N, C-alpha and C. Protein backbone atom coordinates (compact mmCIF):
# COMPACT_ATOMS: atom_id res chain seq x y z
N UNK A 1 38.50 -4.05 56.83
CA UNK A 1 39.45 -4.03 55.85
C UNK A 1 39.52 -2.69 55.24
N UNK A 2 38.52 -1.96 54.83
CA UNK A 2 38.42 -0.86 54.22
C UNK A 2 39.26 0.28 55.03
N UNK A 3 39.08 0.16 56.36
CA UNK A 3 39.84 1.26 57.20
C UNK A 3 41.26 1.00 57.16
N UNK A 4 41.81 -0.38 57.22
CA UNK A 4 43.07 -0.72 56.91
C UNK A 4 43.77 -0.20 55.70
N UNK A 5 42.94 -0.37 54.67
CA UNK A 5 43.60 0.10 53.35
C UNK A 5 43.51 1.57 53.34
N UNK A 6 42.64 2.29 53.99
CA UNK A 6 42.41 3.75 53.94
C UNK A 6 43.73 4.26 54.74
N UNK A 7 44.15 3.61 55.91
CA UNK A 7 45.40 3.92 56.62
C UNK A 7 46.59 3.73 55.79
N UNK A 8 46.69 2.77 55.08
CA UNK A 8 47.83 2.32 54.25
C UNK A 8 48.02 3.32 53.25
N UNK A 9 46.85 3.75 52.69
CA UNK A 9 46.84 4.71 51.49
C UNK A 9 47.25 6.16 51.99
N UNK A 10 46.79 6.52 53.27
CA UNK A 10 47.27 7.77 53.81
C UNK A 10 48.72 7.77 54.13
N UNK A 11 49.20 6.49 54.43
CA UNK A 11 50.67 6.40 54.73
C UNK A 11 51.54 6.40 53.45
N UNK A 12 50.78 6.29 52.31
CA UNK A 12 51.68 6.25 51.04
C UNK A 12 52.18 4.88 50.73
N UNK A 13 51.49 3.79 51.35
CA UNK A 13 51.93 2.53 51.10
C UNK A 13 51.21 1.77 49.85
N UNK A 14 49.94 2.13 49.69
CA UNK A 14 49.24 1.57 48.59
C UNK A 14 48.36 2.65 47.94
N UNK A 15 47.88 2.30 46.78
CA UNK A 15 46.89 3.18 45.99
C UNK A 15 45.95 2.27 45.49
N UNK A 16 44.71 2.90 45.19
CA UNK A 16 43.64 2.21 44.58
C UNK A 16 43.62 2.63 43.21
N UNK A 17 43.37 1.63 42.41
CA UNK A 17 43.13 1.84 40.92
C UNK A 17 41.91 1.19 40.53
N UNK A 18 41.17 1.76 39.51
CA UNK A 18 40.04 1.15 38.97
C UNK A 18 40.31 -0.29 38.50
N UNK A 19 39.25 -1.11 38.81
CA UNK A 19 39.49 -2.54 38.25
C UNK A 19 39.15 -2.46 36.77
N UNK A 20 39.83 -3.35 36.08
CA UNK A 20 39.74 -3.21 34.65
C UNK A 20 38.30 -3.71 34.04
N UNK A 21 37.72 -4.66 34.78
CA UNK A 21 36.53 -5.31 34.36
C UNK A 21 35.36 -5.19 35.24
N UNK A 22 35.51 -4.59 36.31
CA UNK A 22 34.42 -4.55 37.39
C UNK A 22 34.46 -3.02 37.76
N UNK A 23 33.47 -2.22 37.45
CA UNK A 23 33.43 -0.84 37.82
C UNK A 23 33.09 -0.56 39.38
N UNK A 24 32.61 -1.60 39.93
CA UNK A 24 32.22 -1.52 41.38
C UNK A 24 33.49 -1.72 42.30
N UNK A 25 34.62 -2.20 41.79
CA UNK A 25 35.69 -2.65 42.51
C UNK A 25 36.94 -1.95 42.13
N UNK A 26 37.85 -1.86 43.06
CA UNK A 26 39.19 -1.32 42.95
C UNK A 26 40.23 -2.33 43.03
N UNK A 27 41.45 -2.21 42.39
CA UNK A 27 42.59 -3.00 42.72
C UNK A 27 43.36 -2.08 43.60
N UNK A 28 44.01 -2.83 44.66
CA UNK A 28 44.97 -2.20 45.50
C UNK A 28 46.29 -2.49 45.16
N UNK A 29 47.11 -1.59 44.91
CA UNK A 29 48.57 -1.66 44.40
C UNK A 29 49.52 -1.15 45.33
N UNK A 30 50.80 -1.74 45.48
CA UNK A 30 51.69 -1.10 46.36
C UNK A 30 52.28 0.01 45.57
N UNK A 31 52.67 1.16 46.37
CA UNK A 31 53.37 2.26 45.87
C UNK A 31 54.97 1.90 45.94
N UNK A 32 55.74 2.66 45.32
CA UNK A 32 57.18 2.24 45.42
C UNK A 32 57.51 2.32 47.04
N UNK A 33 57.01 3.17 47.80
CA UNK A 33 57.33 3.12 49.17
C UNK A 33 56.83 1.81 49.90
N UNK A 34 55.66 1.35 49.53
CA UNK A 34 55.12 0.05 49.93
C UNK A 34 55.96 -1.11 49.43
N UNK A 35 56.45 -1.05 48.23
CA UNK A 35 57.33 -2.28 47.78
C UNK A 35 58.68 -2.23 48.70
N UNK A 36 59.19 -0.96 48.94
CA UNK A 36 60.35 -0.90 49.80
C UNK A 36 60.20 -1.56 51.09
N UNK A 37 58.96 -1.28 51.80
CA UNK A 37 58.66 -1.82 53.09
C UNK A 37 58.46 -3.25 52.87
N UNK A 38 57.80 -3.73 51.91
CA UNK A 38 57.59 -5.15 51.64
C UNK A 38 58.96 -5.88 51.69
N UNK A 39 59.95 -5.49 51.05
CA UNK A 39 61.21 -6.14 50.94
C UNK A 39 61.79 -6.17 52.32
N UNK A 40 61.76 -5.10 53.05
CA UNK A 40 62.37 -5.06 54.41
C UNK A 40 61.54 -6.14 55.41
N UNK A 41 60.23 -6.03 55.26
CA UNK A 41 59.47 -6.98 56.00
C UNK A 41 59.70 -8.41 55.59
N UNK A 42 60.00 -8.79 54.28
CA UNK A 42 60.28 -10.13 53.99
C UNK A 42 61.57 -10.69 54.62
N UNK A 43 62.60 -9.55 54.76
CA UNK A 43 63.87 -10.06 55.49
C UNK A 43 63.57 -10.34 56.95
N UNK A 44 62.75 -9.52 57.47
CA UNK A 44 62.49 -9.63 58.99
C UNK A 44 61.73 -10.98 59.26
N UNK A 45 60.79 -11.26 58.34
CA UNK A 45 60.01 -12.58 58.54
C UNK A 45 60.98 -13.83 58.35
N UNK A 46 61.76 -13.57 57.26
CA UNK A 46 62.57 -14.76 56.99
C UNK A 46 63.55 -15.01 58.26
N UNK A 47 64.18 -13.92 58.79
CA UNK A 47 65.12 -14.04 59.89
C UNK A 47 64.22 -14.65 61.13
N UNK A 48 63.09 -14.28 61.24
CA UNK A 48 62.29 -14.67 62.46
C UNK A 48 61.82 -16.20 62.32
N UNK A 49 61.55 -16.52 61.09
CA UNK A 49 61.27 -18.04 60.76
C UNK A 49 62.38 -18.82 61.00
N UNK A 50 63.65 -18.35 60.72
CA UNK A 50 64.83 -19.15 60.75
C UNK A 50 65.10 -19.28 62.32
N UNK A 51 64.84 -18.28 62.98
CA UNK A 51 65.16 -18.26 64.45
C UNK A 51 64.16 -19.26 65.13
N UNK A 52 62.89 -19.07 64.73
CA UNK A 52 62.00 -19.91 65.55
C UNK A 52 62.02 -21.31 65.20
N UNK A 53 62.45 -21.74 63.93
CA UNK A 53 62.43 -23.09 63.54
C UNK A 53 63.94 -23.81 63.74
N UNK A 54 64.87 -23.08 64.27
CA UNK A 54 66.20 -23.76 64.29
C UNK A 54 66.07 -24.98 65.04
N UNK A 55 66.80 -25.94 64.70
CA UNK A 55 66.76 -27.20 65.45
C UNK A 55 65.67 -28.20 65.25
N UNK A 56 64.76 -27.72 64.20
CA UNK A 56 63.67 -28.55 63.97
C UNK A 56 63.63 -29.04 62.63
N UNK A 57 63.58 -30.36 62.30
CA UNK A 57 63.81 -30.99 61.05
C UNK A 57 62.66 -30.42 60.22
N UNK A 58 62.98 -30.23 58.84
CA UNK A 58 61.94 -29.83 57.87
C UNK A 58 60.72 -30.76 57.79
N UNK A 59 61.08 -32.01 57.94
CA UNK A 59 60.05 -32.98 57.85
C UNK A 59 58.99 -32.77 58.94
N UNK A 60 59.56 -32.42 60.24
CA UNK A 60 58.62 -32.16 61.47
C UNK A 60 57.88 -30.85 61.25
N UNK A 61 58.45 -29.81 60.54
CA UNK A 61 57.83 -28.60 60.28
C UNK A 61 56.68 -28.85 59.22
N UNK A 62 57.03 -29.53 58.34
CA UNK A 62 55.81 -29.84 57.38
C UNK A 62 54.64 -30.63 57.95
N UNK A 63 54.95 -31.50 58.79
CA UNK A 63 53.94 -32.16 59.56
C UNK A 63 53.14 -31.24 60.40
N UNK A 64 53.72 -30.49 61.23
CA UNK A 64 53.19 -29.48 62.02
C UNK A 64 52.20 -28.45 61.11
N UNK A 65 52.65 -28.19 59.99
CA UNK A 65 51.86 -27.28 59.14
C UNK A 65 50.58 -28.04 58.69
N UNK A 66 50.76 -29.31 58.26
CA UNK A 66 49.59 -30.06 57.94
C UNK A 66 48.58 -30.25 58.98
N UNK A 67 49.13 -30.48 60.37
CA UNK A 67 48.27 -30.55 61.44
C UNK A 67 47.49 -29.19 61.68
N UNK A 68 48.18 -28.18 61.65
CA UNK A 68 47.57 -26.86 61.72
C UNK A 68 46.54 -26.59 60.78
N UNK A 69 46.89 -26.86 59.62
CA UNK A 69 45.81 -26.74 58.46
C UNK A 69 44.52 -27.56 58.69
N UNK A 70 44.65 -28.74 59.09
CA UNK A 70 43.67 -29.55 59.51
C UNK A 70 42.74 -29.10 60.64
N UNK A 71 43.56 -28.45 61.69
CA UNK A 71 42.84 -27.91 62.84
C UNK A 71 41.94 -26.72 62.30
N UNK A 72 42.45 -25.92 61.45
CA UNK A 72 41.67 -24.70 60.93
C UNK A 72 40.41 -25.33 60.09
N UNK A 73 40.75 -26.28 59.26
CA UNK A 73 39.61 -26.89 58.53
C UNK A 73 38.39 -27.51 59.40
N UNK A 74 38.89 -28.05 60.48
CA UNK A 74 37.84 -28.67 61.43
C UNK A 74 37.13 -27.53 62.24
N UNK A 75 37.84 -26.39 62.32
CA UNK A 75 37.20 -25.30 63.02
C UNK A 75 36.12 -24.52 62.31
N UNK A 76 36.23 -24.73 60.92
CA UNK A 76 35.31 -23.92 60.06
C UNK A 76 33.90 -24.51 60.13
């Protein structure tokens, strides 16, 4: 995780800020460039979700999500 945050920080997407109550920790905050990228990624994800789920009833999607969550719980 640290190396990923290091790379994102180097790319100007996030910055580390001191945690207000825990001197051992940092808060990771998006930079303006990171927020811009987040907005673009949200659009891409929304388009992909719409494409992948076309023709599937919302009820069926929700059922599939519940089943997947249960599979994850069972695997833990």
